[in-house]
Each structure stands twice: as C-alpha cells, then as structure tokens.
Amino acid sequence: MHVDTVFLKRLCVFFVMEIKTRHVHVLGVTAHPTGAWVTQLARNLLSSPANGTAVIPTPPQSPRSNALAERWIRTARTECTDRLLITGERHLRTVLDQYAEHYNAGRAHRSLDLRAPDDDPNIILLPAATVRRRQILDGLLNEYHTMPPRLPHHPQETPSSAA
C-alpha cells in the first residue's frame, strides 16, 4: 500500500493480514522500501511468539489472488487516509496503527457475521438498551458499543402526613 503526503512524498506501508480472522498487522512505513527492510519486517513477524504462523506467497498486484488484502487497502484509504492530510512516516504509522486497532476490534465485518476480528466467537451478542459512541482519530471514525441497560430509578415513597 502506498500513501502520498502533503509534501508530495510517497510512503509505502507493509502490512499482513491473517486470512482466517481478517486481523490486520501494520508492520512498517517507509519512503524508501528495500529488500533488506522487507526481509527484516518478515523476520520480525515470523520470530514473534504467534503460534501457527504460515507464509502464503501471492503474486504482487493481482487482485484475484490477494483480494482480502486489496479490500483492506481500499477500506483503509476510503475510511482513513483519503480524509486526512498525512505529513510524514511517523504520522502515517500512528494513523494506521489506530485505524488497524479500530478495524480489528471495533469494525463489523460481513464475512464474520458482523463481528470484529478480535471478537470472541463463543459470545452471543444480545441487543442492549443503551449504545455509546466512541470517536476514533478525532471524530473521523465512530465506534458504537453497547452498555448494560440502566435500571429505572424509583424514589423512595414517603408516608403522607395527612391526619
């Protein structure tokens, strides 16, 4: 994925996606990607304590073979980077880290039965009486969370002093 900054500098983003869960990991941002940089990011990913990591190579820029990654790029662009003025590598990394957190924990996915990738599949979601909104990226994105319903407040009745 690449993003252009307000200073007309193109930044490249290296990310991976877990195909089964659709969980996205943003691994690096740079203006000058090299083979050594990509190799180091891949080593860092494979040496992490994640169990069951398998690399499935796909041809570059072929939407049919890596459609899920292409879809994430489109979603990240339309919901996030196209609406912001990116100033540099650190800014883009911060924005994409926050967006990936939102994508993984707060954004519903149709392919996952309207659950986020980090949701526990063993929990059945029940409708709640109260919904709260949390703003992400200073209001660019909104996440909605259910809150337990509030119990109605009944004031204590006082006996009347009628005689």
N, C-alpha and C. Protein backbone atom coordinates (compact mmCIF):
# COMPACT_ATOMS: atom_id res chain seq x y z
N MET A 1 0.86 -1.17 0.00
CA MET A 1 0.00 0.00 0.00
C MET A 1 0.90 1.23 0.00
N HIS A 2 0.51 2.25 -0.72
CA HIS A 2 1.27 3.50 -0.69
C HIS A 2 0.32 4.66 -0.38
N VAL A 3 0.86 5.68 0.26
CA VAL A 3 0.11 6.87 0.65
C VAL A 3 0.98 8.08 0.31
N ASP A 4 0.37 9.10 -0.28
CA ASP A 4 1.09 10.32 -0.61
C ASP A 4 0.88 11.34 0.51
N THR A 5 1.94 12.04 0.88
CA THR A 5 1.86 13.03 1.95
C THR A 5 1.53 14.40 1.36
N VAL A 6 1.29 15.36 2.26
CA VAL A 6 1.01 16.73 1.81
C VAL A 6 2.24 17.37 1.19
N PHE A 7 3.42 16.82 1.43
CA PHE A 7 4.66 17.34 0.87
C PHE A 7 5.05 16.58 -0.40
N LEU A 8 4.07 15.88 -1.01
CA LEU A 8 4.24 15.14 -2.26
C LEU A 8 5.32 14.06 -2.16
N LYS A 9 5.36 13.41 -1.03
CA LYS A 9 6.29 12.31 -0.80
C LYS A 9 5.46 11.03 -0.70
N ARG A 10 5.85 10.00 -1.38
CA ARG A 10 5.12 8.73 -1.37
C ARG A 10 5.70 7.82 -0.29
N LEU A 11 4.82 7.32 0.58
CA LEU A 11 5.22 6.41 1.65
C LEU A 11 4.64 5.03 1.37
N CYS A 12 5.43 4.01 1.62
CA CYS A 12 4.99 2.63 1.43
C CYS A 12 4.69 2.01 2.79
N VAL A 13 3.62 1.24 2.83
CA VAL A 13 3.18 0.59 4.06
C VAL A 13 3.29 -0.91 3.87
N PHE A 14 3.88 -1.58 4.85
CA PHE A 14 3.98 -3.04 4.83
C PHE A 14 3.03 -3.56 5.89
N PHE A 15 2.06 -4.37 5.48
CA PHE A 15 1.11 -4.95 6.42
C PHE A 15 0.87 -6.40 6.06
N VAL A 16 0.37 -7.15 7.02
CA VAL A 16 -0.03 -8.54 6.78
C VAL A 16 -1.43 -8.72 7.36
N MET A 17 -2.12 -9.70 6.82
CA MET A 17 -3.47 -10.00 7.28
C MET A 17 -3.58 -11.49 7.56
N GLU A 18 -4.18 -11.82 8.69
CA GLU A 18 -4.49 -13.21 8.99
C GLU A 18 -5.76 -13.55 8.21
N ILE A 19 -5.66 -14.48 7.28
CA ILE A 19 -6.75 -14.76 6.36
C ILE A 19 -7.99 -15.27 7.08
N LYS A 20 -7.82 -16.16 8.03
CA LYS A 20 -8.98 -16.76 8.70
C LYS A 20 -9.75 -15.74 9.52
N THR A 21 -9.05 -14.90 10.26
CA THR A 21 -9.72 -13.97 11.18
C THR A 21 -9.85 -12.57 10.62
N ARG A 22 -9.16 -12.24 9.52
CA ARG A 22 -9.13 -10.89 8.93
C ARG A 22 -8.42 -9.88 9.82
N HIS A 23 -7.61 -10.34 10.75
CA HIS A 23 -6.86 -9.46 11.66
C HIS A 23 -5.69 -8.85 10.88
N VAL A 24 -5.55 -7.52 10.94
CA VAL A 24 -4.52 -6.81 10.19
C VAL A 24 -3.41 -6.36 11.13
N HIS A 25 -2.17 -6.52 10.69
CA HIS A 25 -0.99 -6.06 11.43
C HIS A 25 -0.23 -5.09 10.52
N VAL A 26 -0.09 -3.84 10.94
CA VAL A 26 0.74 -2.88 10.21
C VAL A 26 2.16 -3.03 10.75
N LEU A 27 3.08 -3.44 9.89
CA LEU A 27 4.43 -3.76 10.35
C LEU A 27 5.44 -2.64 10.12
N GLY A 28 5.23 -1.81 9.10
CA GLY A 28 6.21 -0.77 8.86
C GLY A 28 5.75 0.24 7.83
N VAL A 29 6.35 1.42 7.91
CA VAL A 29 6.11 2.52 6.97
C VAL A 29 7.47 3.11 6.61
N THR A 30 7.70 3.32 5.32
CA THR A 30 8.95 3.92 4.89
C THR A 30 8.77 4.61 3.55
N ALA A 31 9.65 5.57 3.29
CA ALA A 31 9.65 6.24 2.00
C ALA A 31 10.54 5.51 1.00
N HIS A 32 11.44 4.70 1.50
CA HIS A 32 12.39 4.00 0.64
C HIS A 32 12.42 2.51 0.97
N PRO A 33 11.46 1.74 0.47
CA PRO A 33 11.47 0.31 0.77
C PRO A 33 12.60 -0.40 0.03
N THR A 34 13.28 -1.23 0.76
CA THR A 34 14.36 -2.01 0.17
C THR A 34 14.11 -3.48 0.50
N GLY A 35 14.81 -4.33 -0.18
CA GLY A 35 14.69 -5.76 0.09
C GLY A 35 15.09 -6.10 1.51
N ALA A 36 16.12 -5.43 2.01
CA ALA A 36 16.57 -5.69 3.38
C ALA A 36 15.50 -5.25 4.40
N TRP A 37 14.83 -4.13 4.13
CA TRP A 37 13.76 -3.65 5.04
C TRP A 37 12.61 -4.65 5.09
N VAL A 38 12.17 -5.12 3.92
CA VAL A 38 11.08 -6.09 3.87
C VAL A 38 11.49 -7.40 4.52
N THR A 39 12.71 -7.84 4.27
CA THR A 39 13.20 -9.08 4.88
C THR A 39 13.22 -8.97 6.40
N GLN A 40 13.67 -7.83 6.92
CA GLN A 40 13.72 -7.64 8.38
C GLN A 40 12.31 -7.64 8.97
N LEU A 41 11.35 -6.98 8.31
CA LEU A 41 9.98 -6.99 8.81
C LEU A 41 9.40 -8.40 8.81
N ALA A 42 9.69 -9.17 7.77
CA ALA A 42 9.21 -10.55 7.71
C ALA A 42 9.85 -11.39 8.81
N ARG A 43 11.13 -11.19 9.07
CA ARG A 43 11.80 -11.91 10.17
C ARG A 43 11.18 -11.55 11.52
N ASN A 44 10.91 -10.25 11.72
CA ASN A 44 10.28 -9.82 12.97
C ASN A 44 8.92 -10.47 13.15
N LEU A 45 8.16 -10.57 12.07
CA LEU A 45 6.84 -11.19 12.15
C LEU A 45 6.95 -12.68 12.48
N LEU A 46 7.83 -13.37 11.79
CA LEU A 46 7.95 -14.81 12.00
C LEU A 46 8.60 -15.17 13.32
N SER A 47 9.39 -14.27 13.89
CA SER A 47 10.03 -14.57 15.17
C SER A 47 9.15 -14.18 16.36
N SER A 48 8.00 -13.55 16.08
CA SER A 48 7.10 -13.20 17.19
C SER A 48 6.49 -14.48 17.75
N PRO A 49 6.02 -14.39 18.99
CA PRO A 49 5.51 -15.61 19.64
C PRO A 49 4.16 -16.08 19.14
N ALA A 50 3.70 -15.61 18.01
CA ALA A 50 2.40 -16.07 17.47
C ALA A 50 2.53 -17.52 17.01
N ASN A 51 1.62 -18.34 17.45
CA ASN A 51 1.66 -19.75 17.07
C ASN A 51 0.91 -19.96 15.75
N GLY A 52 1.36 -20.90 14.96
CA GLY A 52 0.67 -21.26 13.74
C GLY A 52 0.83 -20.26 12.61
N THR A 53 1.90 -19.48 12.60
CA THR A 53 2.10 -18.53 11.52
C THR A 53 2.65 -19.26 10.31
N ALA A 54 1.96 -19.10 9.20
CA ALA A 54 2.41 -19.71 7.96
C ALA A 54 2.39 -18.64 6.87
N VAL A 55 3.41 -18.63 6.06
CA VAL A 55 3.51 -17.66 4.98
C VAL A 55 2.92 -18.27 3.73
N ILE A 56 1.96 -17.55 3.13
CA ILE A 56 1.35 -18.00 1.88
C ILE A 56 1.67 -16.93 0.84
N PRO A 57 2.63 -17.19 -0.03
CA PRO A 57 3.01 -16.16 -1.01
C PRO A 57 1.91 -15.98 -2.06
N THR A 58 1.69 -14.74 -2.45
CA THR A 58 0.75 -14.42 -3.51
C THR A 58 1.45 -13.52 -4.51
N PRO A 59 1.06 -13.59 -5.77
CA PRO A 59 1.68 -12.71 -6.76
C PRO A 59 1.38 -11.24 -6.45
N PRO A 60 2.32 -10.34 -6.63
CA PRO A 60 2.06 -8.93 -6.33
C PRO A 60 1.06 -8.32 -7.31
N GLN A 61 0.25 -7.42 -6.81
CA GLN A 61 -0.73 -6.66 -7.59
C GLN A 61 -1.65 -7.55 -8.43
N SER A 62 -2.12 -8.62 -7.83
CA SER A 62 -3.09 -9.48 -8.52
C SER A 62 -4.33 -9.58 -7.62
N PRO A 63 -5.34 -8.77 -7.90
CA PRO A 63 -6.50 -8.67 -7.01
C PRO A 63 -7.24 -9.98 -6.79
N ARG A 64 -7.21 -10.89 -7.74
CA ARG A 64 -7.94 -12.14 -7.53
C ARG A 64 -7.25 -13.04 -6.51
N SER A 65 -5.96 -13.03 -6.44
CA SER A 65 -5.28 -13.94 -5.52
C SER A 65 -5.09 -13.34 -4.14
N ASN A 66 -5.11 -12.04 -4.01
CA ASN A 66 -4.99 -11.44 -2.69
C ASN A 66 -6.11 -10.41 -2.47
N ALA A 67 -7.34 -10.85 -2.73
CA ALA A 67 -8.50 -9.96 -2.68
C ALA A 67 -8.73 -9.39 -1.29
N LEU A 68 -8.44 -10.14 -0.24
CA LEU A 68 -8.67 -9.65 1.11
C LEU A 68 -7.73 -8.49 1.44
N ALA A 69 -6.48 -8.61 1.04
CA ALA A 69 -5.54 -7.52 1.27
C ALA A 69 -5.91 -6.30 0.43
N GLU A 70 -6.32 -6.52 -0.80
CA GLU A 70 -6.74 -5.40 -1.64
C GLU A 70 -7.96 -4.71 -1.06
N ARG A 71 -8.86 -5.48 -0.47
CA ARG A 71 -10.05 -4.89 0.14
C ARG A 71 -9.67 -4.06 1.36
N TRP A 72 -8.70 -4.53 2.16
CA TRP A 72 -8.27 -3.73 3.32
C TRP A 72 -7.64 -2.42 2.86
N ILE A 73 -6.86 -2.47 1.80
CA ILE A 73 -6.23 -1.24 1.28
C ILE A 73 -7.31 -0.25 0.87
N ARG A 74 -8.31 -0.72 0.15
CA ARG A 74 -9.39 0.17 -0.27
C ARG A 74 -10.15 0.73 0.92
N THR A 75 -10.44 -0.11 1.90
CA THR A 75 -11.16 0.34 3.09
C THR A 75 -10.34 1.34 3.88
N ALA A 76 -9.05 1.07 4.07
CA ALA A 76 -8.19 2.00 4.82
C ALA A 76 -8.08 3.34 4.10
N ARG A 77 -8.03 3.30 2.79
CA ARG A 77 -7.95 4.56 2.04
C ARG A 77 -9.26 5.34 2.14
N THR A 78 -10.39 4.70 1.88
CA THR A 78 -11.65 5.44 1.85
C THR A 78 -12.09 5.90 3.23
N GLU A 79 -11.84 5.10 4.26
CA GLU A 79 -12.29 5.46 5.60
C GLU A 79 -11.28 6.29 6.37
N CYS A 80 -10.03 6.30 5.95
CA CYS A 80 -8.99 6.92 6.79
C CYS A 80 -8.06 7.84 6.01
N THR A 81 -7.15 7.31 5.24
CA THR A 81 -6.06 8.13 4.70
C THR A 81 -6.51 9.15 3.66
N ASP A 82 -7.58 8.89 2.92
CA ASP A 82 -8.06 9.88 1.95
C ASP A 82 -8.72 11.07 2.63
N ARG A 83 -9.04 10.96 3.89
CA ARG A 83 -9.71 12.04 4.62
C ARG A 83 -8.77 12.84 5.51
N LEU A 84 -7.50 12.48 5.51
CA LEU A 84 -6.52 13.15 6.36
C LEU A 84 -5.36 13.69 5.52
N LEU A 85 -4.72 14.71 6.03
CA LEU A 85 -3.50 15.22 5.42
C LEU A 85 -2.33 14.61 6.17
N ILE A 86 -1.69 13.65 5.55
CA ILE A 86 -0.58 12.92 6.16
C ILE A 86 0.69 13.74 5.97
N THR A 87 1.44 13.94 7.07
CA THR A 87 2.63 14.79 6.99
C THR A 87 3.94 14.02 6.88
N GLY A 88 3.96 12.79 7.36
CA GLY A 88 5.22 12.05 7.30
C GLY A 88 5.05 10.61 7.75
N GLU A 89 6.18 9.91 7.84
CA GLU A 89 6.18 8.49 8.19
C GLU A 89 5.59 8.24 9.57
N ARG A 90 6.04 9.01 10.56
CA ARG A 90 5.55 8.81 11.92
C ARG A 90 4.05 9.09 12.03
N HIS A 91 3.59 10.12 11.35
CA HIS A 91 2.17 10.45 11.36
C HIS A 91 1.35 9.33 10.71
N LEU A 92 1.80 8.85 9.56
CA LEU A 92 1.09 7.77 8.88
C LEU A 92 1.08 6.51 9.73
N ARG A 93 2.21 6.20 10.36
CA ARG A 93 2.27 4.99 11.20
C ARG A 93 1.29 5.10 12.37
N THR A 94 1.22 6.28 13.00
CA THR A 94 0.29 6.48 14.11
C THR A 94 -1.15 6.35 13.65
N VAL A 95 -1.48 6.96 12.52
CA VAL A 95 -2.85 6.90 11.99
C VAL A 95 -3.22 5.47 11.63
N LEU A 96 -2.33 4.76 10.93
CA LEU A 96 -2.65 3.39 10.53
C LEU A 96 -2.69 2.43 11.71
N ASP A 97 -1.88 2.67 12.74
CA ASP A 97 -1.96 1.84 13.94
C ASP A 97 -3.33 2.00 14.61
N GLN A 98 -3.79 3.25 14.71
CA GLN A 98 -5.11 3.48 15.30
C GLN A 98 -6.22 2.91 14.42
N TYR A 99 -6.07 3.05 13.11
CA TYR A 99 -7.09 2.50 12.22
C TYR A 99 -7.10 0.97 12.28
N ALA A 100 -5.93 0.35 12.33
CA ALA A 100 -5.88 -1.11 12.42
C ALA A 100 -6.50 -1.59 13.73
N GLU A 101 -6.28 -0.85 14.81
CA GLU A 101 -6.92 -1.21 16.08
C GLU A 101 -8.44 -1.13 15.95
N HIS A 102 -8.93 -0.08 15.31
CA HIS A 102 -10.37 0.06 15.06
C HIS A 102 -10.88 -1.07 14.16
N TYR A 103 -10.13 -1.36 13.10
CA TYR A 103 -10.53 -2.39 12.14
C TYR A 103 -10.59 -3.76 12.82
N ASN A 104 -9.64 -4.04 13.70
CA ASN A 104 -9.57 -5.35 14.35
C ASN A 104 -10.53 -5.50 15.52
N ALA A 105 -10.83 -4.41 16.23
CA ALA A 105 -11.62 -4.54 17.46
C ALA A 105 -13.00 -3.90 17.38
N GLY A 106 -13.20 -2.91 16.52
CA GLY A 106 -14.45 -2.19 16.57
C GLY A 106 -15.27 -2.16 15.30
N ARG A 107 -14.75 -2.65 14.21
CA ARG A 107 -15.45 -2.55 12.93
C ARG A 107 -16.10 -3.89 12.58
N ALA A 108 -17.39 -3.84 12.28
CA ALA A 108 -18.11 -5.06 11.93
C ALA A 108 -17.73 -5.52 10.51
N HIS A 109 -17.64 -6.83 10.32
CA HIS A 109 -17.29 -7.42 9.04
C HIS A 109 -18.41 -8.36 8.61
N ARG A 110 -18.93 -8.17 7.41
CA ARG A 110 -20.00 -9.05 6.93
C ARG A 110 -19.55 -10.50 6.85
N SER A 111 -18.31 -10.72 6.44
CA SER A 111 -17.83 -12.10 6.29
C SER A 111 -17.65 -12.79 7.64
N LEU A 112 -17.65 -12.03 8.73
CA LEU A 112 -17.53 -12.59 10.07
C LEU A 112 -18.84 -12.46 10.85
N ASP A 113 -19.96 -12.42 10.15
CA ASP A 113 -21.29 -12.29 10.77
C ASP A 113 -21.40 -11.03 11.62
N LEU A 114 -20.94 -9.92 11.06
CA LEU A 114 -21.00 -8.59 11.68
C LEU A 114 -20.26 -8.54 13.02
N ARG A 115 -19.19 -9.27 13.11
CA ARG A 115 -18.30 -9.21 14.28
C ARG A 115 -16.97 -8.62 13.84
N ALA A 116 -16.23 -8.12 14.80
CA ALA A 116 -14.88 -7.65 14.53
C ALA A 116 -13.93 -8.85 14.61
N PRO A 117 -12.76 -8.77 13.97
CA PRO A 117 -11.82 -9.90 14.01
C PRO A 117 -11.41 -10.32 15.42
N ASP A 118 -11.36 -9.38 16.36
CA ASP A 118 -10.93 -9.73 17.72
C ASP A 118 -12.08 -10.16 18.63
N ASP A 119 -13.33 -10.16 18.13
CA ASP A 119 -14.45 -10.58 18.96
C ASP A 119 -14.37 -12.07 19.26
N ASP A 120 -14.84 -12.45 20.45
CA ASP A 120 -14.89 -13.85 20.84
C ASP A 120 -16.07 -14.52 20.13
N PRO A 121 -15.83 -15.55 19.32
CA PRO A 121 -16.95 -16.17 18.59
C PRO A 121 -17.90 -16.96 19.50
N ASN A 122 -17.50 -17.25 20.74
CA ASN A 122 -18.34 -18.02 21.65
C ASN A 122 -19.35 -17.16 22.40
N ILE A 123 -19.27 -15.86 22.25
CA ILE A 123 -20.20 -14.96 22.94
C ILE A 123 -21.31 -14.58 21.98
N ILE A 124 -22.53 -14.73 22.44
CA ILE A 124 -23.69 -14.36 21.63
C ILE A 124 -24.04 -12.92 21.97
N LEU A 125 -24.08 -12.08 20.95
CA LEU A 125 -24.38 -10.68 21.16
C LEU A 125 -25.88 -10.50 21.36
N LEU A 126 -26.24 -9.83 22.44
CA LEU A 126 -27.64 -9.56 22.73
C LEU A 126 -27.91 -8.07 22.56
N PRO A 127 -29.10 -7.72 22.11
CA PRO A 127 -29.40 -6.29 21.99
C PRO A 127 -29.43 -5.64 23.36
N ALA A 128 -28.91 -4.46 23.43
CA ALA A 128 -28.87 -3.73 24.70
C ALA A 128 -29.72 -2.47 24.58
N ALA A 129 -30.04 -1.90 25.72
CA ALA A 129 -30.88 -0.71 25.74
C ALA A 129 -30.09 0.55 25.45
N THR A 130 -28.81 0.57 25.77
CA THR A 130 -28.02 1.78 25.64
C THR A 130 -26.84 1.53 24.71
N VAL A 131 -26.62 2.45 23.78
CA VAL A 131 -25.49 2.38 22.86
C VAL A 131 -24.66 3.64 23.06
N ARG A 132 -23.37 3.48 23.23
CA ARG A 132 -22.46 4.61 23.41
C ARG A 132 -21.55 4.71 22.19
N ARG A 133 -21.22 5.94 21.82
CA ARG A 133 -20.34 6.20 20.69
C ARG A 133 -18.98 6.63 21.20
N ARG A 134 -17.92 6.09 20.59
CA ARG A 134 -16.56 6.50 20.90
C ARG A 134 -15.92 6.97 19.61
N GLN A 135 -15.34 8.16 19.64
CA GLN A 135 -14.73 8.71 18.44
C GLN A 135 -13.27 8.28 18.33
N ILE A 136 -12.88 7.90 17.12
CA ILE A 136 -11.52 7.48 16.81
C ILE A 136 -10.96 8.50 15.83
N LEU A 137 -9.67 8.81 15.95
CA LEU A 137 -8.99 9.76 15.07
C LEU A 137 -9.72 11.10 15.05
N ASP A 138 -9.99 11.62 16.23
CA ASP A 138 -10.64 12.93 16.41
C ASP A 138 -11.97 13.04 15.67
N GLY A 139 -12.76 11.98 15.68
CA GLY A 139 -14.09 12.02 15.11
C GLY A 139 -14.18 11.57 13.66
N LEU A 140 -13.06 11.19 13.06
CA LEU A 140 -13.09 10.71 11.68
C LEU A 140 -13.86 9.39 11.60
N LEU A 141 -13.67 8.55 12.60
CA LEU A 141 -14.36 7.27 12.69
C LEU A 141 -15.14 7.23 14.00
N ASN A 142 -16.22 6.48 14.01
CA ASN A 142 -17.01 6.30 15.22
C ASN A 142 -17.17 4.81 15.47
N GLU A 143 -17.00 4.40 16.73
CA GLU A 143 -17.29 3.04 17.15
C GLU A 143 -18.46 3.10 18.09
N TYR A 144 -19.36 2.15 17.97
CA TYR A 144 -20.53 2.09 18.82
C TYR A 144 -20.45 0.84 19.68
N HIS A 145 -20.59 1.02 20.99
CA HIS A 145 -20.51 -0.08 21.94
C HIS A 145 -21.80 -0.14 22.74
N THR A 146 -22.23 -1.34 23.04
CA THR A 146 -23.43 -1.49 23.85
C THR A 146 -23.06 -1.40 25.32
N MET A 147 -23.94 -0.80 26.07
CA MET A 147 -23.78 -0.66 27.51
C MET A 147 -24.91 -1.43 28.17
N PRO A 148 -24.70 -1.96 29.36
CA PRO A 148 -25.80 -2.64 30.03
C PRO A 148 -26.94 -1.67 30.29
N PRO A 149 -28.17 -2.14 30.17
CA PRO A 149 -29.30 -1.23 30.39
C PRO A 149 -29.32 -0.73 31.82
N ARG A 150 -29.71 0.53 31.96
CA ARG A 150 -29.80 1.13 33.29
C ARG A 150 -31.11 0.72 33.93
N LEU A 151 -31.04 0.46 35.22
CA LEU A 151 -32.26 0.13 35.95
C LEU A 151 -33.04 1.41 36.21
N PRO A 152 -34.35 1.34 36.13
CA PRO A 152 -35.13 2.56 36.37
C PRO A 152 -35.00 3.01 37.82
N HIS A 153 -34.98 4.30 38.01
CA HIS A 153 -34.81 4.88 39.35
C HIS A 153 -36.20 5.13 39.93
N HIS A 154 -36.48 4.50 41.06
CA HIS A 154 -37.74 4.73 41.76
C HIS A 154 -37.45 5.40 43.09
N PRO A 155 -37.84 6.67 43.24
CA PRO A 155 -37.56 7.34 44.52
C PRO A 155 -38.38 6.70 45.64
N GLN A 156 -37.78 6.74 46.81
CA GLN A 156 -38.47 6.20 47.99
C GLN A 156 -39.73 7.00 48.26
N GLU A 157 -40.83 6.29 48.43
CA GLU A 157 -42.07 6.99 48.76
C GLU A 157 -42.09 7.28 50.24
N THR A 158 -42.45 8.50 50.55
CA THR A 158 -42.53 8.89 51.95
C THR A 158 -44.01 8.89 52.36
N PRO A 159 -44.31 8.41 53.57
CA PRO A 159 -45.70 8.41 54.00
C PRO A 159 -46.23 9.82 54.14
N SER A 160 -47.46 10.01 53.70
CA SER A 160 -48.04 11.35 53.79
C SER A 160 -48.45 11.65 55.22
N SER A 161 -48.40 12.89 55.56
CA SER A 161 -48.75 13.27 56.95
C SER A 161 -50.18 13.76 57.03
N ALA A 162 -51.05 13.13 56.30
CA ALA A 162 -52.48 13.51 56.36
C ALA A 162 -53.11 12.91 57.62
N ALA A 163 -53.78 13.71 58.39
CA ALA A 163 -54.37 13.23 59.63
C ALA A 163 -55.86 13.33 59.63
